[in-house]
Amino acid sequence: MPQLYLGLMSGTSIDGVDVALVDFSGSQPRLLDCQTFPFSAALCAELHRLCAPGENEIERMGRADRALAEVFADASLQLLKDNYVRPDQVRAIGSHGQTIRHIPHGEHCFSIQIGDPNTLAALTGIDVIADFRRKDMALGGQGAPLVPAFHNAVFANPEKSRVVINIGGIANITYLPRRDCDAIIGYDTGPGNTLLDAWCKQHTGKDYDEKGQWAAQRSADTELLQLLYSHPYFSLPAPKSTGREQFNLPWLHQNLASLSRDIDPQVVQSTLVMLTTHTIAQQVLQFKDVEQVYLCGGGARNEFLVEELESALHECELFTTDELGVEADAVEAMAFAWLAYAHINNIQGSIASVTGATKGAVLGTFCPGKVE
């Protein structure tokens, strides 16, 4: 019998929610479908506003929390309808929610995701597992990244050391050694698509630079690249995590203003691609035994970015996770289906060596949707 779970992922790009339908009845989870449901322009704008301090933000957050849950519910039910699956056939939904603030350092550090799981459970009639990050933070971790445990469960190979690179709004890597599970390492390397998309939107009106074609027409500005690369985050040791709080358009504009000349917007876009590829490659290359590198996330569809990354990682074989049977765009949503499965089956969903917690833990909060 199928063991069906849904995974919902809305990342730092804040453009929509990915919904994955996954069957866990076999020895390995099987992706049945994954679709992206875009947010309305009004919801996008409000979520972006909530990522920075603002007027009346507690009330605005509360309302957006409910509104986002309604979008999640509609998207979940639509995907099930498209696959002729009834809600009562789904064991649980794993919902990441939308991160609006991630502050992993200092006293009483925290991470906030909205998209009320109780509303989601009530509207779908399906049990929901959510709030995955705070248990890890309660145990001294950064609550991020969370996908390495899933990467290990699905992509690890006992004969070859691998690195999985996820290029979402923020880029992160997972090192999967062929031996010794305790040596799994994963962390955010820095910006992925978040700056690329924001800069492209500002200067072309398009939500993203399709296949990296706009950036590919120009060369990077070396001085700007070095200036951006001087951000202290890049020299921090792991475990570490980051987000839009550090890498955003105001930060980019501040760096541009410090130069004594203007730079063509297209050159800036090319420079941002180099920043993403350079900061990823530098981290991957420190793992000397890596033979295979697998890309996932929206950045895997940016052909210019992938070409530059392939050039920087010329000693490794570079693939997308499609080669391992999981579409690159679906990996994160599938990971949260797995985290829901892990919660239901009392499996640890975090890795202490990745997040910096004192120990791994079963993650998430259970919100019942089924009425017995």
Foldseek 3Di string as FASTA:
>chain_A
DWAWEWFWDDEQLQFWIKIWIWTPPDLAIATDDIDTDGDDPVLSVLLQVLLDDDPPNVVSQVVSLLVLLVRVLVVHVVVCVVVVHALVSHAEYQYAAYWSYQAQDDPPGDTDGGNDQQSNLQSRLHKYWYPFQVVQVVLVFRSDDQLLVVCQSQPAALVAWEKEWEQAQWIKIWTHHSDDRLPIAMATLGGGCVAQQVLCCVPPVDRHCQLCVLLVVDAADPVLLVLVCPPVVNVDDDPDYDGCVQDHDVVSVVSQVVDPDHDPSSNVSNSVLVNNLVSVLVVVVVPPRHAEYEYAYPNVRNNVSVVSNCVSPVNHHYYHCVVSVAHRHCSNSVSSSVLVVCLVVVHFSHRCNHGVGPGTGNGTDIHRNHDD
